[in-house]
Amino acid sequence: MKQMMQEAFWISVVDRLPEVDVNILLCDANGNLFTGDYTGEVFEDFYGYECQDITHWMSIPKRPKKEGDMDE
């Protein structure tokens, strides 16, 4: 079930592209994972370098709440 839940969050770039300039997780054809964004033309990693062969992306989840965290 855990694997099913994780796979459900990955979105194929064939199905849908992410919003422009929003931090996301990227996965390339070799299974490498990156943080980065989509410029509207290309995917870039955290450092601004173009990422090649991106096949999937997903939103970065919010961090777990800790005791004492204020509601957002």
PDB file of N, CA and C in Angstrom:
ATOM      1  N   MET A   1       0.823  -1.192   0.000  1.00  0.00           N
ATOM      2  CA  MET A   1       0.000   0.000   0.000  1.00  0.00           C
ATOM      3  C   MET A   1       0.869   1.258   0.000  1.00  0.00           C
ATOM      4  N   LYS A   2       1.971   1.255   0.763  1.00  0.00           N
ATOM      5  CA  LYS A   2       2.853   2.412   0.813  1.00  0.00           C
ATOM      6  C   LYS A   2       3.379   2.737  -0.584  1.00  0.00           C
ATOM      7  N   GLN A   3       3.788   1.705  -1.328  1.00  0.00           N
ATOM      8  CA  GLN A   3       4.294   1.920  -2.680  1.00  0.00           C
ATOM      9  C   GLN A   3       3.200   2.494  -3.578  1.00  0.00           C
ATOM     10  N   MET A   4       1.977   1.992  -3.454  1.00  0.00           N
ATOM     11  CA  MET A   4       0.857   2.513  -4.243  1.00  0.00           C
ATOM     12  C   MET A   4       0.635   3.994  -3.965  1.00  0.00           C
ATOM     13  N   MET A   5       0.700   4.379  -2.706  1.00  0.00           N
ATOM     14  CA  MET A   5       0.483   5.778  -2.342  1.00  0.00           C
ATOM     15  C   MET A   5       1.586   6.651  -2.921  1.00  0.00           C
ATOM     16  N   GLN A   6       2.845   6.190  -2.839  1.00  0.00           N
ATOM     17  CA  GLN A   6       3.956   6.972  -3.363  1.00  0.00           C
ATOM     18  C   GLN A   6       3.843   7.135  -4.873  1.00  0.00           C
ATOM     19  N   GLU A   7       3.508   6.070  -5.587  1.00  0.00           N
ATOM     20  CA  GLU A   7       3.401   6.135  -7.032  1.00  0.00           C
ATOM     21  C   GLU A   7       2.244   7.021  -7.470  1.00  0.00           C
ATOM     22  N   ALA A   8       1.204   7.109  -6.682  1.00  0.00           N
ATOM     23  CA  ALA A   8       0.031   7.902  -7.045  1.00  0.00           C
ATOM     24  C   ALA A   8       0.353   9.389  -7.133  1.00  0.00           C
ATOM     25  N   PHE A   9       1.372   9.848  -6.450  1.00  0.00           N
ATOM     26  CA  PHE A   9       1.708  11.264  -6.436  1.00  0.00           C
ATOM     27  C   PHE A   9       2.573  11.684  -7.624  1.00  0.00           C
ATOM     28  N   TRP A  10       3.254  10.748  -8.283  1.00  0.00           N
ATOM     29  CA  TRP A  10       4.092  11.077  -9.436  1.00  0.00           C
ATOM     30  C   TRP A  10       3.209  11.306 -10.655  1.00  0.00           C
ATOM     31  N   ILE A  11       3.484  12.376 -11.385  1.00  0.00           N
ATOM     32  CA  ILE A  11       2.698  12.733 -12.567  1.00  0.00           C
ATOM     33  C   ILE A  11       3.613  12.685 -13.785  1.00  0.00           C
ATOM     34  N   SER A  12       3.197  11.975 -14.809  1.00  0.00           N
ATOM     35  CA  SER A  12       3.968  11.890 -16.043  1.00  0.00           C
ATOM     36  C   SER A  12       3.942  13.237 -16.762  1.00  0.00           C
ATOM     37  N   VAL A  13       5.091  13.630 -17.336  1.00  0.00           N
ATOM     38  CA  VAL A  13       5.132  14.877 -18.101  1.00  0.00           C
ATOM     39  C   VAL A  13       4.303  14.767 -19.378  1.00  0.00           C
ATOM     40  N   VAL A  14       3.988  13.542 -19.789  1.00  0.00           N
ATOM     41  CA  VAL A  14       3.114  13.328 -20.945  1.00  0.00           C
ATOM     42  C   VAL A  14       1.671  13.692 -20.583  1.00  0.00           C
ATOM     43  N   ASP A  15       1.281  13.384 -19.344  1.00  0.00           N
ATOM     44  CA  ASP A  15      -0.087  13.652 -18.892  1.00  0.00           C
ATOM     45  C   ASP A  15      -0.328  15.112 -18.542  1.00  0.00           C
ATOM     46  N   ARG A  16       0.658  15.727 -17.880  1.00  0.00           N
ATOM     47  CA  ARG A  16       0.460  17.111 -17.412  1.00  0.00           C
ATOM     48  C   ARG A  16       1.803  17.703 -17.030  1.00  0.00           C
ATOM     49  N   LEU A  17       1.990  18.975 -17.334  1.00  0.00           N
ATOM     50  CA  LEU A  17       3.188  19.693 -16.921  1.00  0.00           C
ATOM     51  C   LEU A  17       2.875  20.506 -15.668  1.00  0.00           C
ATOM     52  N   PRO A  18       3.882  20.746 -14.835  1.00  0.00           N
ATOM     53  CA  PRO A  18       3.646  21.516 -13.605  1.00  0.00           C
ATOM     54  C   PRO A  18       3.478  23.003 -13.894  1.00  0.00           C
ATOM     55  N   GLU A  19       3.036  23.725 -12.877  1.00  0.00           N
ATOM     56  CA  GLU A  19       2.968  25.180 -12.973  1.00  0.00           C
ATOM     57  C   GLU A  19       4.381  25.730 -13.131  1.00  0.00           C
ATOM     58  N   VAL A  20       4.491  26.891 -13.730  1.00  0.00           N
ATOM     59  CA  VAL A  20       5.785  27.531 -13.961  1.00  0.00           C
ATOM     60  C   VAL A  20       6.333  28.108 -12.657  1.00  0.00           C
ATOM     61  N   ASP A  21       7.640  27.932 -12.457  1.00  0.00           N
ATOM     62  CA  ASP A  21       8.390  28.503 -11.329  1.00  0.00           C
ATOM     63  C   ASP A  21       7.889  28.080  -9.951  1.00  0.00           C
ATOM     64  N   VAL A  22       7.442  26.838  -9.827  1.00  0.00           N
ATOM     65  CA  VAL A  22       7.032  26.276  -8.541  1.00  0.00           C
ATOM     66  C   VAL A  22       7.996  25.145  -8.204  1.00  0.00           C
ATOM     67  N   ASN A  23       8.554  25.138  -7.003  1.00  0.00           N
ATOM     68  CA  ASN A  23       9.462  24.060  -6.592  1.00  0.00           C
ATOM     69  C   ASN A  23       8.745  22.722  -6.617  1.00  0.00           C
ATOM     70  N   ILE A  24       9.368  21.731  -7.266  1.00  0.00           N
ATOM     71  CA  ILE A  24       8.792  20.395  -7.392  1.00  0.00           C
ATOM     72  C   ILE A  24       9.897  19.353  -7.298  1.00  0.00           C
ATOM     73  N   LEU A  25       9.507  18.099  -7.161  1.00  0.00           N
ATOM     74  CA  LEU A  25      10.436  16.978  -7.261  1.00  0.00           C
ATOM     75  C   LEU A  25      10.407  16.484  -8.695  1.00  0.00           C
ATOM     76  N   LEU A  26      11.580  16.162  -9.235  1.00  0.00           N
ATOM     77  CA  LEU A  26      11.711  15.701 -10.611  1.00  0.00           C
ATOM     78  C   LEU A  26      12.325  14.313 -10.632  1.00  0.00           C
ATOM     79  N   CYS A  27      11.920  13.500 -11.595  1.00  0.00           N
ATOM     80  CA  CYS A  27      12.500  12.173 -11.788  1.00  0.00           C
ATOM     81  C   CYS A  27      12.856  12.029 -13.262  1.00  0.00           C
ATOM     82  N   ASP A  28      14.118  11.638 -13.547  1.00  0.00           N
ATOM     83  CA  ASP A  28      14.514  11.475 -14.944  1.00  0.00           C
ATOM     84  C   ASP A  28      14.397  10.021 -15.390  1.00  0.00           C
ATOM     85  N   ALA A  29      14.733   9.759 -16.639  1.00  0.00           N
ATOM     86  CA  ALA A  29      14.580   8.434 -17.234  1.00  0.00           C
ATOM     87  C   ALA A  29      15.442   7.375 -16.549  1.00  0.00           C
ATOM     88  N   ASN A  30      16.486   7.788 -15.829  1.00  0.00           N
ATOM     89  CA  ASN A  30      17.354   6.853 -15.105  1.00  0.00           C
ATOM     90  C   ASN A  30      16.921   6.645 -13.663  1.00  0.00           C
ATOM     91  N   GLY A  31      15.844   7.308 -13.243  1.00  0.00           N
ATOM     92  CA  GLY A  31      15.364   7.178 -11.872  1.00  0.00           C
ATOM     93  C   GLY A  31      16.026   8.124 -10.891  1.00  0.00           C
ATOM     94  N   ASN A  32      16.850   9.061 -11.390  1.00  0.00           N
ATOM     95  CA  ASN A  32      17.474  10.055 -10.522  1.00  0.00           C
ATOM     96  C   ASN A  32      16.432  11.074 -10.083  1.00  0.00           C
ATOM     97  N   LEU A  33      16.525  11.515  -8.839  1.00  0.00           N
ATOM     98  CA  LEU A  33      15.579  12.480  -8.281  1.00  0.00           C
ATOM     99  C   LEU A  33      16.259  13.825  -8.065  1.00  0.00           C
ATOM    100  N   PHE A  34      15.534  14.888  -8.341  1.00  0.00           N
ATOM    101  CA  PHE A  34      16.036  16.249  -8.192  1.00  0.00           C
ATOM    102  C   PHE A  34      14.940  17.126  -7.601  1.00  0.00           C
ATOM    103  N   THR A  35      15.344  18.233  -7.003  1.00  0.00           N
ATOM    104  CA  THR A  35      14.390  19.302  -6.734  1.00  0.00           C
ATOM    105  C   THR A  35      14.647  20.359  -7.793  1.00  0.00           C
ATOM    106  N   GLY A  36      13.599  20.994  -8.227  1.00  0.00           N
ATOM    107  CA  GLY A  36      13.759  22.004  -9.259  1.00  0.00           C
ATOM    108  C   GLY A  36      12.434  22.626  -9.613  1.00  0.00           C
ATOM    109  N   ASP A  37      12.365  23.146 -10.839  1.00  0.00           N
ATOM    110  CA  ASP A  37      11.126  23.753 -11.307  1.00  0.00           C
ATOM    111  C   ASP A  37      11.021  23.639 -12.821  1.00  0.00           C
ATOM    112  N   TYR A  38       9.890  24.067 -13.336  1.00  0.00           N
ATOM    113  CA  TYR A  38       9.629  24.085 -14.771  1.00  0.00           C
ATOM    114  C   TYR A  38       9.537  25.542 -15.188  1.00  0.00           C
ATOM    115  N   THR A  39      10.295  25.933 -16.209  1.00  0.00           N
ATOM    116  CA  THR A  39      10.338  27.337 -16.627  1.00  0.00           C
ATOM    117  C   THR A  39       9.245  27.709 -17.614  1.00  0.00           C
ATOM    118  N   GLY A  40       8.511  26.721 -18.075  1.00  0.00           N
ATOM    119  CA  GLY A  40       7.560  26.931 -19.158  1.00  0.00           C
ATOM    120  C   GLY A  40       8.106  26.361 -20.455  1.00  0.00           C
ATOM    121  N   GLU A  41       9.435  26.106 -20.453  1.00  0.00           N
ATOM    122  CA  GLU A  41      10.094  25.512 -21.617  1.00  0.00           C
ATOM    123  C   GLU A  41      10.929  24.300 -21.237  1.00  0.00           C
ATOM    124  N   VAL A  42      11.657  24.398 -20.120  1.00  0.00           N
ATOM    125  CA  VAL A  42      12.545  23.311 -19.692  1.00  0.00           C
ATOM    126  C   VAL A  42      12.427  23.107 -18.185  1.00  0.00           C
ATOM    127  N   PHE A  43      12.913  21.956 -17.727  1.00  0.00           N
ATOM    128  CA  PHE A  43      13.026  21.688 -16.300  1.00  0.00           C
ATOM    129  C   PHE A  43      14.427  22.094 -15.857  1.00  0.00           C
ATOM    130  N   GLU A  44      14.523  22.746 -14.703  1.00  0.00           N
ATOM    131  CA  GLU A  44      15.811  23.145 -14.139  1.00  0.00           C
ATOM    132  C   GLU A  44      15.929  22.598 -12.735  1.00  0.00           C
ATOM    133  N   ASP A  45      17.169  22.239 -12.356  1.00  0.00           N
ATOM    134  CA  ASP A  45      17.394  21.774 -10.991  1.00  0.00           C
ATOM    135  C   ASP A  45      17.488  22.967 -10.051  1.00  0.00           C
ATOM    136  N   PHE A  46      17.718  22.684  -8.785  1.00  0.00           N
ATOM    137  CA  PHE A  46      17.786  23.700  -7.733  1.00  0.00           C
ATOM    138  C   PHE A  46      18.808  24.794  -8.049  1.00  0.00           C
ATOM    139  N   TYR A  47      19.876  24.424  -8.781  1.00  0.00           N
ATOM    140  CA  TYR A  47      20.958  25.362  -9.088  1.00  0.00           C
ATOM    141  C   TYR A  47      20.747  26.113 -10.403  1.00  0.00           C
ATOM    142  N   GLY A  48      19.654  25.814 -11.113  1.00  0.00           N
ATOM    143  CA  GLY A  48      19.371  26.504 -12.363  1.00  0.00           C
ATOM    144  C   GLY A  48      19.891  25.808 -13.602  1.00  0.00           C
ATOM    145  N   TYR A  49      20.456  24.603 -13.439  1.00  0.00           N
ATOM    146  CA  TYR A  49      20.934  23.845 -14.590  1.00  0.00           C
ATOM    147  C   TYR A  49      19.778  23.072 -15.217  1.00  0.00           C
ATOM    148  N   GLU A  50      19.758  23.032 -16.545  1.00  0.00           N
ATOM    149  CA  GLU A  50      18.694  22.311 -17.242  1.00  0.00           C
ATOM    150  C   GLU A  50      18.793  20.815 -16.980  1.00  0.00           C
ATOM    151  N   CYS A  51      17.672  20.200 -16.656  1.00  0.00           N
ATOM    152  CA  CYS A  51      17.597  18.753 -16.428  1.00  0.00           C
ATOM    153  C   CYS A  51      17.126  18.081 -17.710  1.00  0.00           C
ATOM    154  N   GLN A  52      17.771  16.987 -18.058  1.00  0.00           N
ATOM    155  CA  GLN A  52      17.444  16.257 -19.281  1.00  0.00           C
ATOM    156  C   GLN A  52      16.581  15.040 -18.974  1.00  0.00           C
ATOM    157  N   ASP A  53      15.751  14.656 -19.919  1.00  0.00           N
ATOM    158  CA  ASP A  53      14.977  13.411 -19.870  1.00  0.00           C
ATOM    159  C   ASP A  53      14.097  13.273 -18.627  1.00  0.00           C
ATOM    160  N   ILE A  54      13.471  14.366 -18.198  1.00  0.00           N
ATOM    161  CA  ILE A  54      12.541  14.290 -17.072  1.00  0.00           C
ATOM    162  C   ILE A  54      11.288  13.555 -17.536  1.00  0.00           C
ATOM    163  N   THR A  55      10.903  12.541 -16.780  1.00  0.00           N
ATOM    164  CA  THR A  55       9.731  11.740 -17.143  1.00  0.00           C
ATOM    165  C   THR A  55       8.546  11.990 -16.223  1.00  0.00           C
ATOM    166  N   HIS A  56       8.823  12.333 -14.952  1.00  0.00           N
ATOM    167  CA  HIS A  56       7.760  12.504 -13.957  1.00  0.00           C
ATOM    168  C   HIS A  56       8.112  13.654 -13.012  1.00  0.00           C
ATOM    169  N   TRP A  57       7.086  14.172 -12.374  1.00  0.00           N
ATOM    170  CA  TRP A  57       7.264  15.220 -11.368  1.00  0.00           C
ATOM    171  C   TRP A  57       6.179  15.065 -10.308  1.00  0.00           C
ATOM    172  N   MET A  58       6.402  15.701  -9.161  1.00  0.00           N
ATOM    173  CA  MET A  58       5.379  15.736  -8.118  1.00  0.00           C
ATOM    174  C   MET A  58       5.595  16.954  -7.237  1.00  0.00           C
ATOM    175  N   SER A  59       4.529  17.398  -6.594  1.00  0.00           N
ATOM    176  CA  SER A  59       4.630  18.511  -5.652  1.00  0.00           C
ATOM    177  C   SER A  59       5.462  18.087  -4.457  1.00  0.00           C
ATOM    178  N   ILE A  60       6.155  19.039  -3.877  1.00  0.00           N
ATOM    179  CA  ILE A  60       6.913  18.760  -2.660  1.00  0.00           C
ATOM    180  C   ILE A  60       5.927  18.774  -1.499  1.00  0.00           C
ATOM    181  N   PRO A  61       5.861  17.682  -0.744  1.00  0.00           N
ATOM    182  CA  PRO A  61       4.901  17.643   0.365  1.00  0.00           C
ATOM    183  C   PRO A  61       5.293  18.614   1.475  1.00  0.00           C
ATOM    184  N   LYS A  62       4.304  19.034   2.240  1.00  0.00           N
ATOM    185  CA  LYS A  62       4.576  19.874   3.407  1.00  0.00           C
ATOM    186  C   LYS A  62       5.290  19.042   4.458  1.00  0.00           C
ATOM    187  N   ARG A  63       6.099  19.700   5.264  1.00  0.00           N
ATOM    188  CA  ARG A  63       6.814  18.982   6.323  1.00  0.00           C
ATOM    189  C   ARG A  63       5.816  18.522   7.381  1.00  0.00           C
ATOM    190  N   PRO A  64       6.161  17.479   8.100  1.00  0.00           N
ATOM    191  CA  PRO A  64       5.266  17.025   9.170  1.00  0.00           C
ATOM    192  C   PRO A  64       5.144  18.103  10.243  1.00  0.00           C
ATOM    193  N   LYS A  65       3.978  18.196  10.833  1.00  0.00           N
ATOM    194  CA  LYS A  65       3.788  19.152  11.925  1.00  0.00           C
ATOM    195  C   LYS A  65       4.445  18.611  13.181  1.00  0.00           C
ATOM    196  N   LYS A  66       5.038  19.516  13.932  1.00  0.00           N
ATOM    197  CA  LYS A  66       5.643  19.166  15.209  1.00  0.00           C
ATOM    198  C   LYS A  66       4.766  19.718  16.322  1.00  0.00           C
ATOM    199  N   GLU A  67       4.889  19.128  17.476  1.00  0.00           N
ATOM    200  CA  GLU A  67       4.134  19.621  18.625  1.00  0.00           C
ATOM    201  C   GLU A  67       4.479  21.087  18.847  1.00  0.00           C
ATOM    202  N   GLY A  68       3.469  21.904  18.984  1.00  0.00           N
ATOM    203  CA  GLY A  68       3.682  23.327  19.215  1.00  0.00           C
ATOM    204  C   GLY A  68       3.647  24.168  17.953  1.00  0.00           C
ATOM    205  N   ASP A  69       3.570  23.522  16.765  1.00  0.00           N
ATOM    206  CA  ASP A  69       3.466  24.286  15.523  1.00  0.00           C
ATOM    207  C   ASP A  69       2.153  25.053  15.499  1.00  0.00           C
ATOM    208  N   MET A  70       2.215  26.245  14.984  1.00  0.00           N
ATOM    209  CA  MET A  70       1.010  27.051  14.823  1.00  0.00           C
ATOM    210  C   MET A  70       0.298  26.591  13.559  1.00  0.00           C
ATOM    211  N   ASP A  71      -1.031  26.612  13.557  1.00  0.00           N
ATOM    212  CA  ASP A  71      -1.789  26.281  12.349  1.00  0.00           C
ATOM    213  C   ASP A  71      -1.536  27.344  11.295  1.00  0.00           C
ATOM    214  N   GLU A  72      -1.405  26.887  10.043  1.00  0.00           N
ATOM    215  CA  GLU A  72      -1.170  27.835   8.944  1.00  0.00           C
ATOM    216  C   GLU A  72      -2.462  28.208   8.290  1.00  0.00           C
TER     217      GLU A  72
END
